[in-house]
Amino acid sequence: MIYEVKSPILGFEKIKKMKLEKVDKVFAKLSDAENENVAFTLVNPFMLREYDITIPDNFTEKLDIDKKSIIQVFNIMILQNPIRESTINFLAPLIFNDNKKTMGQIILDGNKYTNYSIADKISNYIK
């Protein structure tokens, strides 16, 4: 599915459209819709741990989210070898509005979300 980027991924501000492809219940691939060489491995945080965030009002406006919106949340995973050394950024989730085909990255306040890290090893959740 192709999404319009309303709040860019840090470091990739020029990307305007991204393609989301689910691999399974846990993993997905996100790539630049115009350049397949730019791609991210995503993880569904709810399949790994308890994950509770509040989406700020200004962000819900950017993504045109309302009470009827179907929302997906993913986190970027940095792959390492061996896989157990791979890390997940739980402090900068990607939010997808399936109804409006919009997406963006929010940066959570680390002081408020003290149990989330920017580089949490996947081995903490998958044995």
N, C-alpha and C. Protein backbone atom coordinates (compact mmCIF):
# COMPACT_ATOMS: atom_id res chain seq x y z
N MET A 1 0.83 -1.16 0.00
CA MET A 1 0.00 0.00 0.00
C MET A 1 0.89 1.24 0.00
N ILE A 2 0.55 2.26 -0.77
CA ILE A 2 1.32 3.49 -0.86
C ILE A 2 0.70 4.54 0.06
N TYR A 3 1.56 5.21 0.86
CA TYR A 3 1.14 6.23 1.80
C TYR A 3 1.84 7.55 1.49
N GLU A 4 1.12 8.64 1.68
CA GLU A 4 1.70 9.97 1.56
C GLU A 4 2.36 10.30 2.90
N VAL A 5 3.61 10.76 2.85
CA VAL A 5 4.35 11.09 4.06
C VAL A 5 3.97 12.50 4.51
N LYS A 6 3.36 12.59 5.68
CA LYS A 6 2.92 13.88 6.23
C LYS A 6 3.86 14.39 7.31
N SER A 7 4.62 13.49 7.92
CA SER A 7 5.63 13.82 8.92
C SER A 7 6.80 12.89 8.65
N PRO A 8 7.90 13.42 8.10
CA PRO A 8 8.96 12.56 7.57
C PRO A 8 9.72 11.76 8.62
N ILE A 9 10.34 10.70 8.14
CA ILE A 9 11.26 9.91 8.95
C ILE A 9 12.55 10.73 9.07
N LEU A 10 13.05 10.85 10.29
CA LEU A 10 14.26 11.64 10.51
C LEU A 10 15.40 11.18 9.59
N GLY A 11 15.98 12.15 8.89
CA GLY A 11 17.06 11.85 7.96
C GLY A 11 16.59 11.54 6.55
N PHE A 12 15.28 11.41 6.37
CA PHE A 12 14.72 11.08 5.05
C PHE A 12 13.59 12.05 4.70
N GLU A 13 13.83 13.33 4.96
CA GLU A 13 12.82 14.36 4.82
C GLU A 13 12.35 14.57 3.39
N LYS A 14 13.13 14.16 2.39
CA LYS A 14 12.76 14.39 0.99
C LYS A 14 11.78 13.35 0.45
N ILE A 15 11.61 12.25 1.17
CA ILE A 15 10.70 11.19 0.70
C ILE A 15 9.25 11.62 0.92
N LYS A 16 8.46 11.57 -0.13
CA LYS A 16 7.07 12.04 -0.06
C LYS A 16 6.04 10.91 -0.10
N LYS A 17 6.42 9.76 -0.64
CA LYS A 17 5.51 8.61 -0.71
C LYS A 17 6.29 7.35 -0.33
N MET A 18 5.64 6.51 0.50
CA MET A 18 6.29 5.29 0.93
C MET A 18 5.36 4.10 0.74
N LYS A 19 5.98 2.95 0.49
CA LYS A 19 5.24 1.71 0.25
C LYS A 19 5.41 0.78 1.44
N LEU A 20 4.29 0.36 2.03
CA LEU A 20 4.30 -0.56 3.17
C LEU A 20 3.89 -1.94 2.69
N GLU A 21 4.74 -2.94 2.99
CA GLU A 21 4.45 -4.33 2.64
C GLU A 21 4.60 -5.18 3.89
N LYS A 22 3.53 -5.83 4.31
CA LYS A 22 3.60 -6.70 5.48
C LYS A 22 4.26 -8.02 5.09
N VAL A 23 5.15 -8.49 5.95
CA VAL A 23 5.80 -9.78 5.76
C VAL A 23 5.00 -10.85 6.49
N ASP A 24 4.65 -10.55 7.75
CA ASP A 24 3.83 -11.43 8.58
C ASP A 24 3.22 -10.58 9.69
N LYS A 25 2.78 -11.20 10.79
CA LYS A 25 2.15 -10.43 11.88
C LYS A 25 3.13 -9.53 12.62
N VAL A 26 4.41 -9.86 12.56
CA VAL A 26 5.42 -9.12 13.31
C VAL A 26 6.19 -8.13 12.43
N PHE A 27 6.58 -8.54 11.24
CA PHE A 27 7.49 -7.74 10.42
C PHE A 27 6.82 -7.16 9.18
N ALA A 28 7.38 -6.01 8.74
CA ALA A 28 6.94 -5.36 7.51
C ALA A 28 8.15 -4.68 6.88
N LYS A 29 7.99 -4.33 5.61
CA LYS A 29 9.04 -3.60 4.88
C LYS A 29 8.43 -2.27 4.46
N LEU A 30 9.18 -1.19 4.66
CA LEU A 30 8.77 0.14 4.23
C LEU A 30 9.83 0.65 3.29
N SER A 31 9.42 1.07 2.09
CA SER A 31 10.39 1.56 1.13
C SER A 31 9.89 2.84 0.47
N ASP A 32 10.84 3.60 -0.04
CA ASP A 32 10.53 4.80 -0.80
C ASP A 32 9.78 4.33 -2.05
N ALA A 33 8.61 4.88 -2.29
CA ALA A 33 7.78 4.46 -3.43
C ALA A 33 8.46 4.74 -4.76
N GLU A 34 9.44 5.64 -4.76
CA GLU A 34 10.11 6.02 -6.01
C GLU A 34 11.55 5.50 -6.09
N ASN A 35 12.05 4.89 -5.00
CA ASN A 35 13.42 4.41 -4.98
C ASN A 35 13.51 3.20 -4.05
N GLU A 36 13.41 2.01 -4.60
CA GLU A 36 13.41 0.77 -3.81
C GLU A 36 14.72 0.57 -3.02
N ASN A 37 15.76 1.34 -3.34
CA ASN A 37 17.03 1.20 -2.62
C ASN A 37 16.95 1.78 -1.21
N VAL A 38 15.94 2.60 -0.94
CA VAL A 38 15.73 3.15 0.40
C VAL A 38 14.62 2.33 1.05
N ALA A 39 15.00 1.51 2.04
CA ALA A 39 14.02 0.62 2.66
C ALA A 39 14.34 0.43 4.14
N PHE A 40 13.29 0.15 4.89
CA PHE A 40 13.39 -0.07 6.33
C PHE A 40 12.70 -1.37 6.69
N THR A 41 13.25 -2.06 7.67
CA THR A 41 12.58 -3.21 8.26
C THR A 41 11.80 -2.69 9.45
N LEU A 42 10.51 -3.02 9.49
CA LEU A 42 9.64 -2.56 10.57
C LEU A 42 9.17 -3.73 11.41
N VAL A 43 8.82 -3.43 12.65
CA VAL A 43 8.30 -4.44 13.56
C VAL A 43 7.03 -3.89 14.20
N ASN A 44 6.05 -4.77 14.37
CA ASN A 44 4.82 -4.42 15.05
C ASN A 44 5.10 -4.53 16.55
N PRO A 45 5.14 -3.40 17.26
CA PRO A 45 5.53 -3.46 18.68
C PRO A 45 4.56 -4.24 19.55
N PHE A 46 3.30 -4.25 19.17
CA PHE A 46 2.27 -4.93 19.97
C PHE A 46 2.42 -6.44 19.97
N MET A 47 3.17 -6.98 19.00
CA MET A 47 3.42 -8.41 18.94
C MET A 47 4.62 -8.80 19.81
N LEU A 48 5.37 -7.82 20.28
CA LEU A 48 6.57 -8.10 21.07
C LEU A 48 6.45 -7.75 22.54
N ARG A 49 5.69 -6.69 22.83
CA ARG A 49 5.68 -6.17 24.19
C ARG A 49 4.42 -5.33 24.42
N GLU A 50 4.26 -4.93 25.66
CA GLU A 50 3.21 -3.95 25.96
C GLU A 50 3.71 -2.61 25.43
N TYR A 51 2.89 -1.96 24.64
CA TYR A 51 3.31 -0.71 23.99
C TYR A 51 2.12 0.23 23.97
N ASP A 52 2.22 1.29 24.75
CA ASP A 52 1.12 2.23 24.90
C ASP A 52 1.64 3.64 24.67
N ILE A 53 1.15 4.29 23.61
CA ILE A 53 1.56 5.65 23.31
C ILE A 53 0.33 6.51 23.10
N THR A 54 0.53 7.80 23.25
CA THR A 54 -0.51 8.77 22.94
C THR A 54 -0.06 9.56 21.73
N ILE A 55 -0.89 9.58 20.70
CA ILE A 55 -0.56 10.33 19.48
C ILE A 55 -0.98 11.78 19.72
N PRO A 56 -0.05 12.73 19.61
CA PRO A 56 -0.38 14.14 19.85
C PRO A 56 -1.44 14.66 18.87
N ASP A 57 -2.25 15.60 19.34
CA ASP A 57 -3.33 16.16 18.52
C ASP A 57 -2.83 16.75 17.21
N ASN A 58 -1.71 17.49 17.25
CA ASN A 58 -1.21 18.09 16.01
C ASN A 58 -0.82 17.03 14.99
N PHE A 59 -0.39 15.87 15.47
CA PHE A 59 -0.01 14.77 14.58
C PHE A 59 -1.26 14.11 13.99
N THR A 60 -2.30 13.94 14.80
CA THR A 60 -3.55 13.36 14.28
C THR A 60 -4.14 14.26 13.20
N GLU A 61 -3.96 15.57 13.34
CA GLU A 61 -4.43 16.50 12.31
C GLU A 61 -3.62 16.33 11.03
N LYS A 62 -2.29 16.23 11.15
CA LYS A 62 -1.43 16.06 9.97
C LYS A 62 -1.81 14.81 9.18
N LEU A 63 -2.11 13.72 9.89
CA LEU A 63 -2.44 12.46 9.24
C LEU A 63 -3.92 12.30 8.97
N ASP A 64 -4.70 13.32 9.33
CA ASP A 64 -6.15 13.31 9.11
C ASP A 64 -6.80 12.11 9.80
N ILE A 65 -6.39 11.88 11.05
CA ILE A 65 -6.91 10.76 11.84
C ILE A 65 -8.17 11.21 12.57
N ASP A 66 -9.21 10.37 12.48
CA ASP A 66 -10.42 10.62 13.25
C ASP A 66 -10.82 9.32 13.95
N LYS A 67 -11.97 9.33 14.61
CA LYS A 67 -12.40 8.17 15.40
C LYS A 67 -12.64 6.92 14.55
N LYS A 68 -12.90 7.10 13.25
CA LYS A 68 -13.16 5.96 12.37
C LYS A 68 -11.90 5.45 11.66
N SER A 69 -10.79 6.13 11.85
CA SER A 69 -9.56 5.78 11.15
C SER A 69 -9.01 4.43 11.61
N ILE A 70 -8.53 3.68 10.65
CA ILE A 70 -7.80 2.43 10.94
C ILE A 70 -6.33 2.79 10.98
N ILE A 71 -5.73 2.60 12.15
CA ILE A 71 -4.35 3.01 12.40
C ILE A 71 -3.45 1.79 12.58
N GLN A 72 -2.26 1.89 12.00
CA GLN A 72 -1.23 0.88 12.24
C GLN A 72 -0.01 1.59 12.84
N VAL A 73 0.67 0.91 13.73
CA VAL A 73 1.87 1.45 14.37
C VAL A 73 3.00 0.45 14.16
N PHE A 74 4.14 0.96 13.71
CA PHE A 74 5.33 0.14 13.54
C PHE A 74 6.54 0.88 14.08
N ASN A 75 7.59 0.12 14.35
CA ASN A 75 8.86 0.70 14.77
C ASN A 75 9.94 0.22 13.82
N ILE A 76 10.94 1.07 13.61
CA ILE A 76 12.06 0.72 12.74
C ILE A 76 13.02 -0.21 13.49
N MET A 77 13.42 -1.27 12.80
CA MET A 77 14.38 -2.22 13.35
C MET A 77 15.66 -2.15 12.53
N ILE A 78 16.78 -2.04 13.21
CA ILE A 78 18.08 -2.06 12.55
C ILE A 78 18.62 -3.48 12.62
N LEU A 79 18.71 -4.11 11.45
CA LEU A 79 19.15 -5.50 11.38
C LEU A 79 20.65 -5.64 11.64
N GLN A 80 20.99 -6.65 12.42
CA GLN A 80 22.38 -6.98 12.73
C GLN A 80 22.58 -8.48 12.54
N ASN A 81 23.83 -8.88 12.49
CA ASN A 81 24.17 -10.28 12.40
C ASN A 81 25.02 -10.62 13.61
N PRO A 82 24.56 -11.49 14.48
CA PRO A 82 23.36 -12.31 14.41
C PRO A 82 22.09 -11.48 14.68
N ILE A 83 20.95 -12.01 14.27
CA ILE A 83 19.68 -11.31 14.35
C ILE A 83 19.34 -10.87 15.77
N ARG A 84 19.76 -11.62 16.77
CA ARG A 84 19.44 -11.27 18.17
C ARG A 84 20.08 -9.95 18.58
N GLU A 85 21.06 -9.48 17.82
CA GLU A 85 21.71 -8.19 18.10
C GLU A 85 20.99 -7.01 17.43
N SER A 86 19.98 -7.31 16.62
CA SER A 86 19.19 -6.25 15.96
C SER A 86 18.51 -5.40 17.01
N THR A 87 18.33 -4.11 16.69
CA THR A 87 17.72 -3.19 17.65
C THR A 87 16.45 -2.57 17.09
N ILE A 88 15.57 -2.18 18.00
CA ILE A 88 14.29 -1.57 17.65
C ILE A 88 14.22 -0.21 18.31
N ASN A 89 13.75 0.77 17.55
CA ASN A 89 13.57 2.12 18.07
C ASN A 89 12.11 2.29 18.51
N PHE A 90 11.86 2.12 19.80
CA PHE A 90 10.51 2.25 20.34
C PHE A 90 10.13 3.70 20.64
N LEU A 91 11.10 4.62 20.56
CA LEU A 91 10.82 6.04 20.86
C LEU A 91 10.44 6.86 19.63
N ALA A 92 10.48 6.27 18.47
CA ALA A 92 10.13 7.02 17.25
C ALA A 92 9.23 6.16 16.35
N PRO A 93 8.01 5.89 16.80
CA PRO A 93 7.12 5.04 16.01
C PRO A 93 6.66 5.68 14.71
N LEU A 94 6.32 4.81 13.78
CA LEU A 94 5.70 5.24 12.52
C LEU A 94 4.21 4.95 12.63
N ILE A 95 3.40 5.95 12.30
CA ILE A 95 1.96 5.83 12.39
C ILE A 95 1.40 5.86 10.97
N PHE A 96 0.50 4.92 10.67
CA PHE A 96 -0.11 4.81 9.35
C PHE A 96 -1.63 4.94 9.48
N ASN A 97 -2.23 5.84 8.72
CA ASN A 97 -3.68 5.98 8.66
C ASN A 97 -4.12 5.27 7.38
N ASP A 98 -4.67 4.07 7.52
CA ASP A 98 -5.06 3.28 6.35
C ASP A 98 -6.20 3.92 5.57
N ASN A 99 -7.09 4.63 6.24
CA ASN A 99 -8.24 5.24 5.57
C ASN A 99 -7.82 6.34 4.60
N LYS A 100 -6.90 7.19 5.03
CA LYS A 100 -6.48 8.34 4.22
C LYS A 100 -5.17 8.11 3.49
N LYS A 101 -4.54 6.94 3.74
CA LYS A 101 -3.25 6.60 3.13
C LYS A 101 -2.19 7.65 3.43
N THR A 102 -2.13 8.04 4.73
CA THR A 102 -1.12 8.98 5.19
C THR A 102 -0.28 8.30 6.27
N MET A 103 0.96 8.77 6.42
CA MET A 103 1.84 8.19 7.44
C MET A 103 2.83 9.24 7.90
N GLY A 104 3.44 8.95 9.05
CA GLY A 104 4.47 9.84 9.56
C GLY A 104 5.14 9.24 10.78
N GLN A 105 6.26 9.85 11.13
CA GLN A 105 7.01 9.43 12.32
C GLN A 105 6.83 10.46 13.42
N ILE A 106 6.56 9.98 14.62
CA ILE A 106 6.54 10.87 15.77
C ILE A 106 7.70 10.51 16.69
N ILE A 107 8.20 11.51 17.37
CA ILE A 107 9.28 11.30 18.32
C ILE A 107 8.68 11.46 19.72
N LEU A 108 8.70 10.38 20.48
CA LEU A 108 8.15 10.40 21.82
C LEU A 108 9.14 11.03 22.80
N ASP A 109 8.62 11.64 23.84
CA ASP A 109 9.43 12.24 24.89
C ASP A 109 10.02 11.14 25.77
N GLY A 110 11.33 10.97 25.72
CA GLY A 110 12.00 9.94 26.49
C GLY A 110 11.82 10.10 28.00
N ASN A 111 11.55 11.32 28.45
CA ASN A 111 11.30 11.55 29.87
C ASN A 111 9.93 11.02 30.29
N LYS A 112 8.98 11.03 29.36
CA LYS A 112 7.63 10.54 29.63
C LYS A 112 7.55 9.03 29.41
N TYR A 113 8.22 8.54 28.38
CA TYR A 113 8.19 7.12 28.01
C TYR A 113 9.52 6.48 28.41
N THR A 114 9.77 6.41 29.70
CA THR A 114 11.06 5.94 30.21
C THR A 114 11.32 4.45 29.97
N ASN A 115 10.27 3.68 29.70
CA ASN A 115 10.46 2.24 29.47
C ASN A 115 10.70 1.91 28.00
N TYR A 116 10.82 2.93 27.14
CA TYR A 116 11.12 2.72 25.72
C TYR A 116 12.50 3.27 25.40
N SER A 117 13.17 2.61 24.48
CA SER A 117 14.53 2.99 24.10
C SER A 117 14.62 3.20 22.59
N ILE A 118 15.70 3.87 22.17
CA ILE A 118 15.90 4.04 20.73
C ILE A 118 16.67 2.87 20.13
N ALA A 119 17.22 2.02 20.98
CA ALA A 119 18.00 0.87 20.49
C ALA A 119 17.85 -0.31 21.43
N ASP A 120 16.63 -0.82 21.50
CA ASP A 120 16.31 -1.96 22.36
C ASP A 120 16.54 -3.25 21.57
N LYS A 121 17.35 -4.16 22.10
CA LYS A 121 17.67 -5.40 21.38
C LYS A 121 16.44 -6.29 21.25
N ILE A 122 16.26 -6.84 20.05
CA ILE A 122 15.12 -7.74 19.81
C ILE A 122 15.24 -9.01 20.67
N SER A 123 16.44 -9.36 21.06
CA SER A 123 16.63 -10.55 21.89
C SER A 123 15.93 -10.41 23.25
N ASN A 124 15.60 -9.18 23.64
CA ASN A 124 14.85 -8.96 24.88
C ASN A 124 13.40 -9.45 24.76
N TYR A 125 12.95 -9.67 23.52
CA TYR A 125 11.54 -10.02 23.28
C TYR A 125 11.34 -11.34 22.57
N ILE A 126 12.32 -11.78 21.82
CA ILE A 126 12.21 -13.04 21.08
C ILE A 126 13.31 -13.96 21.58
N LYS A 127 12.91 -15.10 22.09
CA LYS A 127 13.89 -16.05 22.64
C LYS A 127 14.20 -17.12 21.63
